[in-house]
C-alpha atoms as a PDB file:
ATOM      1  CA  MET A   1       1.777 216.016 -60.089  1.00  0.00           C
ATOM      2  CA  HIS A   2       1.473 219.667 -60.483  1.00  0.00           C
ATOM      3  CA  ILE A   3       1.051 220.932 -64.131  1.00  0.00           C
ATOM      4  CA  SER A   4       1.540 224.552 -64.518  1.00  0.00           C
ATOM      5  CA  SER A   5      -1.016 226.712 -66.245  1.00  0.00           C
ATOM      6  CA  SER A   6       1.551 227.921 -68.758  1.00  0.00           C
ATOM      7  CA  TYR A   7       2.136 224.398 -69.927  1.00  0.00           C
ATOM      8  CA  LEU A   8      -1.543 223.843 -70.462  1.00  0.00           C
ATOM      9  CA  ASN A   9      -1.895 226.997 -72.397  1.00  0.00           C
ATOM     10  CA  ASN A  10       0.986 226.076 -74.711  1.00  0.00           C
ATOM     11  CA  HIS A  11      -0.421 222.636 -75.288  1.00  0.00           C
ATOM     12  CA  ALA A  12      -3.814 224.044 -76.134  1.00  0.00           C
ATOM     13  CA  ARG A  13      -2.297 226.444 -78.624  1.00  0.00           C
ATOM     14  CA  ARG A  14      -0.338 223.616 -80.326  1.00  0.00           C
ATOM     15  CA  HIS A  15      -3.501 221.521 -80.603  1.00  0.00           C
ATOM     16  CA  ALA A  16      -5.488 224.376 -82.134  1.00  0.00           C
ATOM     17  CA  SER A  17      -2.686 225.064 -84.626  1.00  0.00           C
ATOM     18  CA  THR A  18      -2.651 221.432 -85.719  1.00  0.00           C
ATOM     19  CA  ALA A  19      -6.454 221.450 -86.196  1.00  0.00           C
ATOM     20  CA  ASN A  20      -6.248 224.617 -88.264  1.00  0.00           C
ATOM     21  CA  PHE A  21      -3.536 223.073 -90.452  1.00  0.00           C
ATOM     22  CA  PHE A  22      -5.666 220.012 -91.244  1.00  0.00           C
ATOM     23  CA  SER A  23      -8.710 222.186 -91.899  1.00  0.00           C
ATOM     24  CA  ARG A  24      -6.741 224.232 -94.414  1.00  0.00           C
ATOM     25  CA  GLN A  25      -5.502 221.065 -96.133  1.00  0.00           C
ATOM     26  CA  VAL A  26      -9.036 219.704 -96.441  1.00  0.00           C
ATOM     27  CA  ALA A  27     -10.266 222.991 -97.778  1.00  0.00           C
ATOM     28  CA  ALA A  28      -7.462 223.136-100.329  1.00  0.00           C
ATOM     29  CA  ALA A  29      -8.170 219.589-101.448  1.00  0.00           C
ATOM     30  CA  LEU A  30     -11.852 220.404-101.801  1.00  0.00           C
ATOM     31  CA  VAL A  31     -11.090 223.456-103.913  1.00  0.00           C
ATOM     32  CA  ALA A  32      -8.780 221.365-106.087  1.00  0.00           C
ATOM     33  CA  VAL A  33     -11.521 218.781-106.615  1.00  0.00           C
ATOM     34  CA  ILE A  34     -14.021 221.499-107.478  1.00  0.00           C
ATOM     35  CA  LEU A  35     -11.585 223.118-109.928  1.00  0.00           C
ATOM     36  CA  LEU A  36     -10.908 219.735-111.519  1.00  0.00           C
ATOM     37  CA  CYS A  37     -14.630 219.125-111.934  1.00  0.00           C
ATOM     38  CA  VAL A  38     -15.075 222.545-113.449  1.00  0.00           C
ATOM     39  CA  ALA A  39     -12.167 221.936-115.817  1.00  0.00           C
ATOM     40  CA  ILE A  40     -13.623 218.577-116.836  1.00  0.00           C
ATOM     41  CA  LEU A  41     -17.033 220.178-117.344  1.00  0.00           C
ATOM     42  CA  VAL A  42     -15.560 223.011-119.383  1.00  0.00           C
ATOM     43  CA  ALA A  43     -13.566 220.539-121.483  1.00  0.00           C
ATOM     44  CA  TYR A  44     -16.682 218.419-121.933  1.00  0.00           C
ATOM     45  CA  ASN A  45     -18.769 221.354-122.989  1.00  0.00           C
ATOM     46  CA  GLY A  46     -15.973 222.597-125.214  1.00  0.00           C
ATOM     47  CA  THR A  47     -15.747 219.266-127.058  1.00  0.00           C
ATOM     48  CA  LYS A  48     -19.462 218.621-127.503  1.00  0.00           C
ATOM     49  CA  LYS A  49     -20.990 220.449-130.507  1.00  0.00           C
ATOM     50  CA  GLU A  50     -24.522 221.049-131.727  1.00  0.00           C
ATOM     51  CA  ILE A  51     -24.780 220.194-135.432  1.00  0.00           C
ATOM     52  CA  LYS A  52     -27.678 220.335-137.905  1.00  0.00           C
ATOM     53  CA  ILE A  53     -28.011 217.457-140.376  1.00  0.00           C
ATOM     54  CA  LEU A  54     -30.167 217.916-143.486  1.00  0.00           C
ATOM     55  CA  VAL A  55     -30.908 214.541-145.093  1.00  0.00           C
ATOM     56  CA  ASP A  56     -33.742 213.271-147.304  1.00  0.00           C
ATOM     57  CA  GLY A  57     -35.501 216.605-146.972  1.00  0.00           C
ATOM     58  CA  LYS A  58     -35.533 216.553-143.181  1.00  0.00           C
ATOM     59  CA  GLN A  59     -33.421 218.522-140.726  1.00  0.00           C
ATOM     60  CA  VAL A  60     -32.349 217.100-137.377  1.00  0.00           C
ATOM     61  CA  GLU A  61     -30.223 218.662-134.642  1.00  0.00           C
ATOM     62  CA  VAL A  62     -27.688 216.459-132.869  1.00  0.00           C
ATOM     63  CA  GLN A  63     -25.042 216.855-130.166  1.00  0.00           C
ATOM     64  CA  THR A  64     -21.769 215.140-130.895  1.00  0.00           C
ATOM     65  CA  PHE A  65     -18.170 214.757-129.806  1.00  0.00           C
ATOM     66  CA  ALA A  66     -17.189 213.767-133.394  1.00  0.00           C
ATOM     67  CA  GLY A  67     -14.273 215.652-134.814  1.00  0.00           C
ATOM     68  CA  ASP A  68     -15.173 215.541-138.514  1.00  0.00           C
ATOM     69  CA  VAL A  69     -18.151 215.100-140.849  1.00  0.00           C
ATOM     70  CA  GLY A  70     -17.367 211.474-141.704  1.00  0.00           C
ATOM     71  CA  THR A  71     -17.347 210.458-138.024  1.00  0.00           C
ATOM     72  CA  LEU A  72     -20.619 212.331-137.488  1.00  0.00           C
ATOM     73  CA  LEU A  73     -22.271 210.340-140.308  1.00  0.00           C
ATOM     74  CA  ARG A  74     -21.075 206.990-138.913  1.00  0.00           C
ATOM     75  CA  GLU A  75     -22.134 208.036-135.433  1.00  0.00           C
ATOM     76  CA  ASN A  76     -25.681 208.716-136.687  1.00  0.00           C
ATOM     77  CA  GLY A  77     -25.927 205.640-138.927  1.00  0.00           C
ATOM     78  CA  ILE A  78     -26.037 207.651-142.166  1.00  0.00           C
ATOM     79  CA  THR A  79     -24.679 205.690-145.143  1.00  0.00           C
ATOM     80  CA  LEU A  80     -23.841 207.129-148.556  1.00  0.00           C
ATOM     81  CA  ASP A  81     -23.955 205.466-151.948  1.00  0.00           C
ATOM     82  CA  ASP A  82     -21.077 206.028-154.356  1.00  0.00           C
ATOM     83  CA  GLN A  83     -22.839 208.881-156.143  1.00  0.00           C
ATOM     84  CA  ASP A  84     -24.319 210.540-153.039  1.00  0.00           C
ATOM     85  CA  ARG A  85     -22.678 213.768-151.946  1.00  0.00           C
ATOM     86  CA  VAL A  86     -22.175 215.390-148.550  1.00  0.00           C
ATOM     87  CA  VAL A  87     -21.528 219.099-147.984  1.00  0.00           C
ATOM     88  CA  PRO A  88     -19.096 219.909-146.487  1.00  0.00           C
ATOM     89  CA  ALA A  89     -16.821 216.979-147.387  1.00  0.00           C
ATOM     90  CA  ARG A  90     -16.305 214.058-145.008  1.00  0.00           C
ATOM     91  CA  GLU A  91     -12.823 215.158-143.909  1.00  0.00           C
ATOM     92  CA  THR A  92     -14.061 218.610-142.851  1.00  0.00           C
ATOM     93  CA  ARG A  93     -13.657 219.360-139.108  1.00  0.00           C
ATOM     94  CA  LEU A  94     -16.895 220.005-137.301  1.00  0.00           C
ATOM     95  CA  GLU A  95     -17.612 223.431-135.859  1.00  0.00           C
ATOM     96  CA  GLU A  96     -20.329 224.515-133.463  1.00  0.00           C
ATOM     97  CA  GLY A  97     -23.582 225.304-135.289  1.00  0.00           C
ATOM     98  CA  MET A  98     -22.449 223.751-138.588  1.00  0.00           C
ATOM     99  CA  THR A  99     -25.032 222.354-141.034  1.00  0.00           C
ATOM    100  CA  VAL A 100     -24.196 219.108-142.829  1.00  0.00           C
ATOM    101  CA  THR A 101     -26.271 218.444-145.957  1.00  0.00           C
ATOM    102  CA  ILE A 102     -26.678 215.047-147.641  1.00  0.00           C
ATOM    103  CA  HIS A 103     -27.508 215.118-151.362  1.00  0.00           C
ATOM    104  CA  ARG A 104     -28.900 211.766-152.481  1.00  0.00           C
ATOM    105  CA  ALA A 105     -28.179 210.825-156.114  1.00  0.00           C
ATOM    106  CA  VAL A 106     -31.323 210.775-158.312  1.00  0.00           C
ATOM    107  CA  PRO A 107     -31.913 209.814-161.985  1.00  0.00           C
ATOM    108  CA  VAL A 108     -32.429 212.658-164.484  1.00  0.00           C
ATOM    109  CA  THR A 109     -32.380 213.007-168.288  1.00  0.00           C
ATOM    110  CA  LEU A 110     -29.855 215.411-169.787  1.00  0.00           C
ATOM    111  CA  GLN A 111     -30.320 216.480-173.410  1.00  0.00           C
ATOM    112  CA  VAL A 112     -27.603 218.636-174.964  1.00  0.00           C
ATOM    113  CA  GLY A 113     -28.513 219.563-178.518  1.00  0.00           C
ATOM    114  CA  GLU A 114     -29.817 216.369-180.101  1.00  0.00           C
ATOM    115  CA  GLU A 115     -27.926 214.030-177.731  1.00  0.00           C
ATOM    116  CA  LYS A 116     -29.950 212.642-174.830  1.00  0.00           C
ATOM    117  CA  SER A 117     -28.603 210.582-171.926  1.00  0.00           C
ATOM    118  CA  ARG A 118     -29.825 209.208-168.596  1.00  0.00           C
ATOM    119  CA  ILE A 119     -27.598 210.066-165.658  1.00  0.00           C
ATOM    120  CA  THR A 120     -27.623 209.681-161.877  1.00  0.00           C
ATOM    121  CA  THR A 121     -26.487 212.747-159.966  1.00  0.00           C
ATOM    122  CA  ALA A 122     -26.346 214.202-156.480  1.00  0.00           C
ATOM    123  CA  ALA A 123     -26.035 217.776-157.796  1.00  0.00           C
ATOM    124  CA  ALA A 124     -28.228 220.321-156.052  1.00  0.00           C
ATOM    125  CA  THR A 125     -29.188 222.485-159.055  1.00  0.00           C
ATOM    126  CA  VAL A 126     -29.371 222.268-162.838  1.00  0.00           C
ATOM    127  CA  GLY A 127     -26.301 224.482-163.061  1.00  0.00           C
ATOM    128  CA  ASP A 128     -24.384 222.075-160.800  1.00  0.00           C
ATOM    129  CA  ILE A 129     -25.238 219.188-163.131  1.00  0.00           C
ATOM    130  CA  LEU A 130     -23.980 221.086-166.165  1.00  0.00           C
ATOM    131  CA  ARG A 131     -20.721 221.906-164.408  1.00  0.00           C
ATOM    132  CA  GLU A 132     -20.433 218.315-163.187  1.00  0.00           C
ATOM    133  CA  LYS A 133     -20.807 217.019-166.760  1.00  0.00           C
ATOM    134  CA  GLY A 134     -18.548 219.657-168.290  1.00  0.00           C
ATOM    135  CA  VAL A 135     -21.312 221.250-170.359  1.00  0.00           C
ATOM    136  CA  ALA A 136     -20.074 224.731-171.272  1.00  0.00           C
ATOM    137  CA  LEU A 137     -22.797 227.202-172.236  1.00  0.00           C
ATOM    138  CA  GLY A 138     -22.580 229.661-175.111  1.00  0.00           C
ATOM    139  CA  ASP A 139     -23.951 233.201-174.901  1.00  0.00           C
ATOM    140  CA  ARG A 140     -27.114 232.275-176.809  1.00  0.00           C
ATOM    141  CA  ASP A 141     -27.678 228.764-175.478  1.00  0.00           C
ATOM    142  CA  ILE A 142     -31.031 228.088-173.812  1.00  0.00           C
ATOM    143  CA  VAL A 143     -31.296 225.953-170.663  1.00  0.00           C
ATOM    144  CA  GLU A 144     -34.646 224.588-169.517  1.00  0.00           C
ATOM    145  CA  PRO A 145     -35.332 224.611-166.657  1.00  0.00           C
ATOM    146  CA  THR A 146     -33.100 227.487-165.557  1.00  0.00           C
ATOM    147  CA  ILE A 147     -29.698 226.776-164.028  1.00  0.00           C
ATOM    148  CA  ASP A 148     -30.819 227.692-160.486  1.00  0.00           C
ATOM    149  CA  THR A 149     -33.673 225.155-160.505  1.00  0.00           C
ATOM    150  CA  PRO A 150     -33.339 222.470-157.780  1.00  0.00           C
ATOM    151  CA  VAL A 151     -32.825 218.956-159.109  1.00  0.00           C
ATOM    152  CA  GLN A 152     -35.868 216.678-158.962  1.00  0.00           C
ATOM    153  CA  PRO A 153     -35.924 212.915-159.647  1.00  0.00           C
ATOM    154  CA  GLY A 154     -36.844 212.108-163.254  1.00  0.00           C
ATOM    155  CA  MET A 155     -36.603 215.697-164.518  1.00  0.00           C
ATOM    156  CA  LEU A 156     -35.601 216.548-168.099  1.00  0.00           C
ATOM    157  CA  ILE A 157     -32.821 219.097-168.489  1.00  0.00           C
ATOM    158  CA  ARG A 158     -32.580 220.456-172.028  1.00  0.00           C
ATOM    159  CA  VAL A 159     -29.725 222.534-173.417  1.00  0.00           C
ATOM    160  CA  ASP A 160     -30.455 224.009-176.854  1.00  0.00           C
ATOM    161  CA  ARG A 161     -27.337 225.101-178.718  1.00  0.00           C
ATOM    162  CA  VAL A 162     -28.100 228.421-180.411  1.00  0.00           C
ATOM    163  CA  THR A 163     -25.637 229.824-182.945  1.00  0.00           C
ATOM    164  CA  THR A 164     -25.710 232.461-185.681  1.00  0.00           C
ATOM    165  CA  ARG A 165     -23.967 232.762-189.011  1.00  0.00           C
ATOM    166  CA  ILE A 166     -23.833 235.258-191.852  1.00  0.00           C
ATOM    167  CA  VAL A 167     -24.909 233.977-195.266  1.00  0.00           C
ATOM    168  CA  GLU A 168     -24.540 235.734-198.606  1.00  0.00           C
ATOM    169  CA  GLU A 169     -26.557 234.741-201.659  1.00  0.00           C
ATOM    170  CA  GLU A 170     -27.277 235.992-205.145  1.00  0.00           C
ATOM    171  CA  VAL A 171     -30.867 235.711-206.302  1.00  0.00           C
ATOM    172  CA  PRO A 172     -32.394 236.465-209.709  1.00  0.00           C
ATOM    173  CA  ILE A 173     -34.737 239.434-210.140  1.00  0.00           C
ATOM    174  CA  PRO A 174     -37.558 238.404-212.501  1.00  0.00           C
ATOM    175  CA  ASN A 175     -37.985 240.607-215.536  1.00  0.00           C
ATOM    176  CA  LYS A 176     -41.347 241.777-216.787  1.00  0.00           C
ATOM    177  CA  ILE A 177     -42.953 240.598-220.011  1.00  0.00           C
ATOM    178  CA  ILE A 178     -44.408 243.464-221.992  1.00  0.00           C
ATOM    179  CA  ARG A 179     -47.068 242.319-224.470  1.00  0.00           C
ATOM    180  CA  GLU A 180     -47.989 244.582-227.357  1.00  0.00           C
ATOM    181  CA  SER A 181     -50.935 243.853-229.612  1.00  0.00           C
ATOM    182  CA  ASP A 182     -50.073 243.703-233.319  1.00  0.00           C
ATOM    183  CA  LYS A 183     -52.895 243.819-235.883  1.00  0.00           C
ATOM    184  CA  THR A 184     -50.535 242.694-238.637  1.00  0.00           C
ATOM    185  CA  LEU A 185     -49.873 239.362-236.926  1.00  0.00           C
ATOM    186  CA  HIS A 186     -52.311 236.471-236.863  1.00  0.00           C
ATOM    187  CA  ARG A 187     -53.789 235.598-233.501  1.00  0.00           C
ATOM    188  CA  GLY A 188     -51.573 233.083-231.717  1.00  0.00           C
ATOM    189  CA  ILE A 189     -48.416 234.323-233.402  1.00  0.00           C
ATOM    190  CA  ILE A 190     -45.896 235.976-231.109  1.00  0.00           C
ATOM    191  CA  ARG A 191     -42.852 237.944-232.222  1.00  0.00           C
ATOM    192  CA  VAL A 192     -40.077 238.783-229.767  1.00  0.00           C
ATOM    193  CA  VAL A 193     -39.060 242.431-230.030  1.00  0.00           C
ATOM    194  CA  GLN A 194     -36.671 242.472-227.082  1.00  0.00           C
ATOM    195  CA  GLN A 195     -35.364 239.287-225.554  1.00  0.00           C
ATOM    196  CA  GLY A 196     -34.911 240.717-222.058  1.00  0.00           C
ATOM    197  CA  SER A 197     -33.024 239.189-219.130  1.00  0.00           C
ATOM    198  CA  GLN A 198     -33.326 238.673-215.401  1.00  0.00           C
ATOM    199  CA  GLY A 199     -31.569 240.940-212.949  1.00  0.00           C
ATOM    200  CA  LEU A 200     -29.372 239.887-210.031  1.00  0.00           C
ATOM    201  CA  GLU A 201     -29.510 240.889-206.356  1.00  0.00           C
ATOM    202  CA  ARG A 202     -27.010 240.136-203.586  1.00  0.00           C
ATOM    203  CA  ARG A 203     -28.529 239.562-200.138  1.00  0.00           C
ATOM    204  CA  ILE A 204     -26.797 239.237-196.759  1.00  0.00           C
ATOM    205  CA  TRP A 205     -28.663 237.271-194.100  1.00  0.00           C
ATOM    206  CA  GLN A 206     -28.183 236.566-190.431  1.00  0.00           C
ATOM    207  CA  VAL A 207     -29.256 232.972-189.848  1.00  0.00           C
ATOM    208  CA  VAL A 208     -30.096 231.648-186.360  1.00  0.00           C
ATOM    209  CA  LEU A 209     -29.587 227.920-185.814  1.00  0.00           C
ATOM    210  CA  LYS A 210     -30.974 225.893-182.915  1.00  0.00           C
ATOM    211  CA  ASN A 211     -29.205 222.569-182.553  1.00  0.00           C
ATOM    212  CA  GLY A 212     -27.959 222.941-186.127  1.00  0.00           C
ATOM    213  CA  LYS A 213     -31.401 223.642-187.624  1.00  0.00           C
ATOM    214  CA  GLU A 214     -32.406 227.020-189.024  1.00  0.00           C
ATOM    215  CA  THR A 215     -35.068 228.727-186.909  1.00  0.00           C
ATOM    216  CA  GLU A 216     -34.766 232.358-187.965  1.00  0.00           C
ATOM    217  CA  LYS A 217     -33.452 234.316-190.920  1.00  0.00           C
ATOM    218  CA  ARG A 218     -33.081 238.092-190.905  1.00  0.00           C
ATOM    219  CA  LEU A 219     -32.115 240.230-193.899  1.00  0.00           C
ATOM    220  CA  LEU A 220     -29.207 242.502-192.987  1.00  0.00           C
ATOM    221  CA  ALA A 221     -28.533 244.136-196.363  1.00  0.00           C
ATOM    222  CA  SER A 222     -29.273 243.820-200.078  1.00  0.00           C
ATOM    223  CA  ASN A 223     -28.093 245.503-203.247  1.00  0.00           C
ATOM    224  CA  VAL A 224     -28.902 245.116-206.930  1.00  0.00           C
ATOM    225  CA  ILE A 225     -25.926 243.893-208.958  1.00  0.00           C
ATOM    226  CA  LYS A 226     -27.729 243.863-212.296  1.00  0.00           C
ATOM    227  CA  GLN A 227     -31.022 245.491-213.253  1.00  0.00           C
ATOM    228  CA  PRO A 228     -33.575 243.304-215.057  1.00  0.00           C
ATOM    229  CA  VAL A 229     -34.369 244.017-218.720  1.00  0.00           C
ATOM    230  CA  ASP A 230     -38.014 243.682-219.785  1.00  0.00           C
ATOM    231  CA  ARG A 231     -38.948 241.120-222.418  1.00  0.00           C
ATOM    232  CA  VAL A 232     -41.036 242.786-225.131  1.00  0.00           C
ATOM    233  CA  VAL A 233     -43.218 240.688-227.428  1.00  0.00           C
ATOM    234  CA  ARG A 234     -45.813 241.478-230.056  1.00  0.00           C
ATOM    235  CA  VAL A 235     -48.963 239.388-229.909  1.00  0.00           C
ATOM    236  CA  GLY A 236     -51.034 238.870-233.031  1.00  0.00           C
ATOM    237  CA  VAL A 237     -54.717 239.771-232.890  1.00  0.00           C
ATOM    238  CA  LEU A 238     -55.704 239.278-236.548  1.00  0.00           C
ATOM    239  CA  GLN A 239     -58.341 236.506-236.854  1.00  0.00           C
ATOM    240  CA  THR A 240     -59.227 236.568-240.571  1.00  0.00           C
ATOM    241  CA  VAL A 241     -57.268 235.723-243.676  1.00  0.00           C
ATOM    242  CA  SER A 242     -58.231 235.588-247.352  1.00  0.00           C
ATOM    243  CA  ARG A 243     -57.322 232.427-249.185  1.00  0.00           C
ATOM    244  CA  GLY A 244     -58.548 231.334-252.652  1.00  0.00           C
ATOM    245  CA  GLY A 245     -61.113 234.095-252.710  1.00  0.00           C
ATOM    246  CA  TYR A 246     -62.540 233.043-249.379  1.00  0.00           C
ATOM    247  CA  GLU A 247     -62.156 234.762-246.047  1.00  0.00           C
ATOM    248  CA  LEU A 248     -61.156 232.327-243.363  1.00  0.00           C
ATOM    249  CA  ARG A 249     -61.891 233.055-239.720  1.00  0.00           C
ATOM    250  CA  PHE A 250     -59.666 231.288-237.224  1.00  0.00           C
ATOM    251  CA  SER A 251     -59.215 231.199-233.467  1.00  0.00           C
ATOM    252  CA  ARG A 252     -55.433 231.162-233.708  1.00  0.00           C
ATOM    253  CA  ALA A 253     -52.555 230.504-236.049  1.00  0.00           C
ATOM    254  CA  TYR A 254     -49.373 228.455-235.604  1.00  0.00           C
ATOM    255  CA  ASP A 255     -45.978 228.395-237.243  1.00  0.00           C
ATOM    256  CA  MET A 256     -45.345 224.658-237.572  1.00  0.00           C
ATOM    257  CA  VAL A 257     -42.937 222.178-239.100  1.00  0.00           C
ATOM    258  CA  ALA A 258     -44.896 219.975-241.536  1.00  0.00           C
ATOM    259  CA  THR A 259     -43.959 216.562-242.907  1.00  0.00           C
ATOM    260  CA  ALA A 260     -46.034 214.162-245.036  1.00  0.00           C
ATOM    261  CA  TYR A 261     -47.020 210.502-244.890  1.00  0.00           C
ATOM    262  CA  THR A 262     -49.056 208.100-247.021  1.00  0.00           C
ATOM    263  CA  TYR A 263     -51.294 205.107-246.388  1.00  0.00           C
ATOM    264  CA  THR A 264     -49.676 202.372-244.313  1.00  0.00           C
ATOM    265  CA  GLY A 265     -52.646 200.034-243.982  1.00  0.00           C
ATOM    266  CA  ASN A 266     -53.523 201.285-240.488  1.00  0.00           C
ATOM    267  CA  ASN A 267     -56.464 203.420-239.522  1.00  0.00           C
ATOM    268  CA  THR A 268     -56.041 206.770-237.819  1.00  0.00           C
ATOM    269  CA  ARG A 269     -56.180 207.281-234.070  1.00  0.00           C
ATOM    270  CA  THR A 270     -59.835 208.289-234.467  1.00  0.00           C
ATOM    271  CA  GLY A 271     -60.599 204.930-236.148  1.00  0.00           C
ATOM    272  CA  VAL A 272     -61.155 206.071-239.755  1.00  0.00           C
ATOM    273  CA  PRO A 273     -58.918 205.273-242.743  1.00  0.00           C
ATOM    274  CA  PRO A 274     -56.624 208.183-243.673  1.00  0.00           C
ATOM    275  CA  ARG A 275     -57.297 210.204-246.815  1.00  0.00           C
ATOM    276  CA  VAL A 276     -56.294 213.539-248.320  1.00  0.00           C
ATOM    277  CA  GLY A 277     -57.022 216.196-245.710  1.00  0.00           C
ATOM    278  CA  THR A 278     -56.189 213.911-242.805  1.00  0.00           C
ATOM    279  CA  VAL A 279     -53.607 215.540-240.525  1.00  0.00           C
ATOM    280  CA  ALA A 280     -51.639 214.017-237.634  1.00  0.00           C
ATOM    281  CA  VAL A 281     -51.152 216.422-234.715  1.00  0.00           C
ATOM    282  CA  ASP A 282     -50.039 216.633-231.108  1.00  0.00           C
ATOM    283  CA  PRO A 283     -53.386 216.594-229.251  1.00  0.00           C
ATOM    284  CA  SER A 284     -51.909 218.698-226.457  1.00  0.00           C
ATOM    285  CA  VAL A 285     -51.473 221.504-229.029  1.00  0.00           C
ATOM    286  CA  ILE A 286     -54.339 220.940-231.480  1.00  0.00           C
ATOM    287  CA  PRO A 287     -57.354 218.946-230.265  1.00  0.00           C
ATOM    288  CA  LEU A 288     -58.349 215.922-232.372  1.00  0.00           C
ATOM    289  CA  GLY A 289     -61.269 216.704-234.656  1.00  0.00           C
ATOM    290  CA  SER A 290     -60.239 220.355-235.186  1.00  0.00           C
ATOM    291  CA  ARG A 291     -60.713 221.914-238.639  1.00  0.00           C
ATOM    292  CA  LEU A 292     -57.498 223.327-240.070  1.00  0.00           C
ATOM    293  CA  TYR A 293     -56.142 225.270-243.000  1.00  0.00           C
ATOM    294  CA  ILE A 294     -52.490 224.536-243.846  1.00  0.00           C
ATOM    295  CA  GLU A 295     -50.559 226.868-246.132  1.00  0.00           C
ATOM    296  CA  GLY A 296     -49.506 224.957-249.259  1.00  0.00           C
ATOM    297  CA  TYR A 297     -51.800 221.988-248.451  1.00  0.00           C
ATOM    298  CA  GLY A 298     -55.273 223.372-247.973  1.00  0.00           C
ATOM    299  CA  TYR A 299     -58.096 222.307-245.688  1.00  0.00           C
ATOM    300  CA  GLY A 300     -57.568 219.486-243.273  1.00  0.00           C
ATOM    301  CA  ARG A 301     -58.847 217.901-240.086  1.00  0.00           C
ATOM    302  CA  ALA A 302     -56.858 216.724-237.077  1.00  0.00           C
ATOM    303  CA  MET A 303     -57.673 212.987-237.079  1.00  0.00           C
ATOM    304  CA  ASP A 304     -54.416 211.212-236.329  1.00  0.00           C
ATOM    305  CA  VAL A 305     -51.343 211.277-234.094  1.00  0.00           C
ATOM    306  CA  GLY A 306     -47.749 210.197-234.562  1.00  0.00           C
ATOM    307  CA  SER A 307     -44.941 209.132-232.250  1.00  0.00           C
ATOM    308  CA  LYS A 308     -42.701 211.889-233.600  1.00  0.00           C
ATOM    309  CA  ILE A 309     -45.422 214.514-233.908  1.00  0.00           C
ATOM    310  CA  LYS A 310     -44.832 216.532-230.739  1.00  0.00           C
ATOM    311  CA  GLY A 311     -45.297 220.240-230.093  1.00  0.00           C
ATOM    312  CA  ASN A 312     -45.603 222.506-233.128  1.00  0.00           C
ATOM    313  CA  ARG A 313     -45.374 219.716-235.679  1.00  0.00           C
ATOM    314  CA  ILE A 314     -47.931 218.181-238.067  1.00  0.00           C
ATOM    315  CA  ASP A 315     -47.952 215.337-240.577  1.00  0.00           C
ATOM    316  CA  VAL A 316     -50.219 215.742-243.643  1.00  0.00           C
ATOM    317  CA  PHE A 317     -51.594 212.773-245.637  1.00  0.00           C
ATOM    318  CA  MET A 318     -50.628 212.312-249.297  1.00  0.00           C
ATOM    319  CA  GLU A 319     -52.146 209.809-251.735  1.00  0.00           C
ATOM    320  CA  THR A 320     -48.783 208.509-252.933  1.00  0.00           C
ATOM    321  CA  HIS A 321     -45.340 207.951-251.567  1.00  0.00           C
ATOM    322  CA  SER A 322     -43.784 210.185-254.243  1.00  0.00           C
ATOM    323  CA  GLN A 323     -46.073 213.076-253.275  1.00  0.00           C
ATOM    324  CA  ALA A 324     -45.008 212.661-249.651  1.00  0.00           C
ATOM    325  CA  LEU A 325     -41.363 212.760-250.687  1.00  0.00           C
ATOM    326  CA  ARG A 326     -41.887 215.914-252.747  1.00  0.00           C
ATOM    327  CA  TRP A 327     -43.579 217.575-249.796  1.00  0.00           C
ATOM    328  CA  GLY A 328     -40.560 216.807-247.666  1.00  0.00           C
ATOM    329  CA  ARG A 329     -40.150 218.892-244.545  1.00  0.00           C
ATOM    330  CA  ARG A 330     -41.157 222.522-244.466  1.00  0.00           C
ATOM    331  CA  THR A 331     -42.332 225.302-242.163  1.00  0.00           C
ATOM    332  CA  VAL A 332     -45.940 226.326-242.735  1.00  0.00           C
ATOM    333  CA  LYS A 333     -48.607 228.433-241.162  1.00  0.00           C
ATOM    334  CA  VAL A 334     -51.480 226.444-239.740  1.00  0.00           C
ATOM    335  CA  TYR A 335     -54.843 228.060-238.962  1.00  0.00           C
ATOM    336  CA  LEU A 336     -57.193 226.588-236.391  1.00  0.00           C
ATOM    337  CA  LEU A 337     -60.549 227.394-237.961  1.00  0.00           C
ATOM    338  CA  GLU A 338     -63.537 228.440-235.930  1.00  0.00           C
END
């Protein structure tokens, strides 16, 4: 059989065309596979994120496909107690480079004013605790430690309530006592010339209170409402007196109320029987044993006391009941002899 050269050439060209077609198909399939792999790799890399986790004071870096914080925690075996806190919240979507912080709840003591309580908190700072517990601070309140202090287990947080108030008061102004010597008055005798009176001053104070207790008081203003009036008295200096032709020298004189008593069968406080010249006195005014001269009675000695003889009072002894009745009750001058 004779095959022409033109036939062979056509057949060869058809065979080459078919080979080229299959080569292009293989190449296209290969490119498609490569593109698919690249797409899968890009999607993989786009889904995987690098996240920092700060827990129990340590920071770790993890790679995750988790979509939110809660899934990340479960994925890494991190459990939270009821009072623990995570920032950002569990439902927050994860983003590349995000930091997730776990705040473990710790016990602290919170004292607001005089009220103290033990609490467990996952707050990061003292200020966070106060906000968490609804503790509003006044302008003058003092917080120790400061509100930006990190929370530590067992720490004491103290809030002192500081307030101020304005107080008005009226206070007396003491008056002076002017003493003038008087040679016409017996020593111990005082005569009031001018009674005198205290003055009055109004004062305005600013009072600082810490937890309800006064810690500071500052005078803002004061003015005198009433001026004080001096008390003027005349003081006797005369120490001698002439009685019955004799000059008596005394240490002081008293104006006293005098009554009389007679023998009752009892001895005096000093242990001796009473007799004329025996006088009952108040020992806080006239010491027992003192020598006296009583106007209208004469010489006497303080030897007895009486339940009703208090202050500037004396009781003189009479021999009879009728004499005591005649004496009665009178005001006399009593001289304490030297």
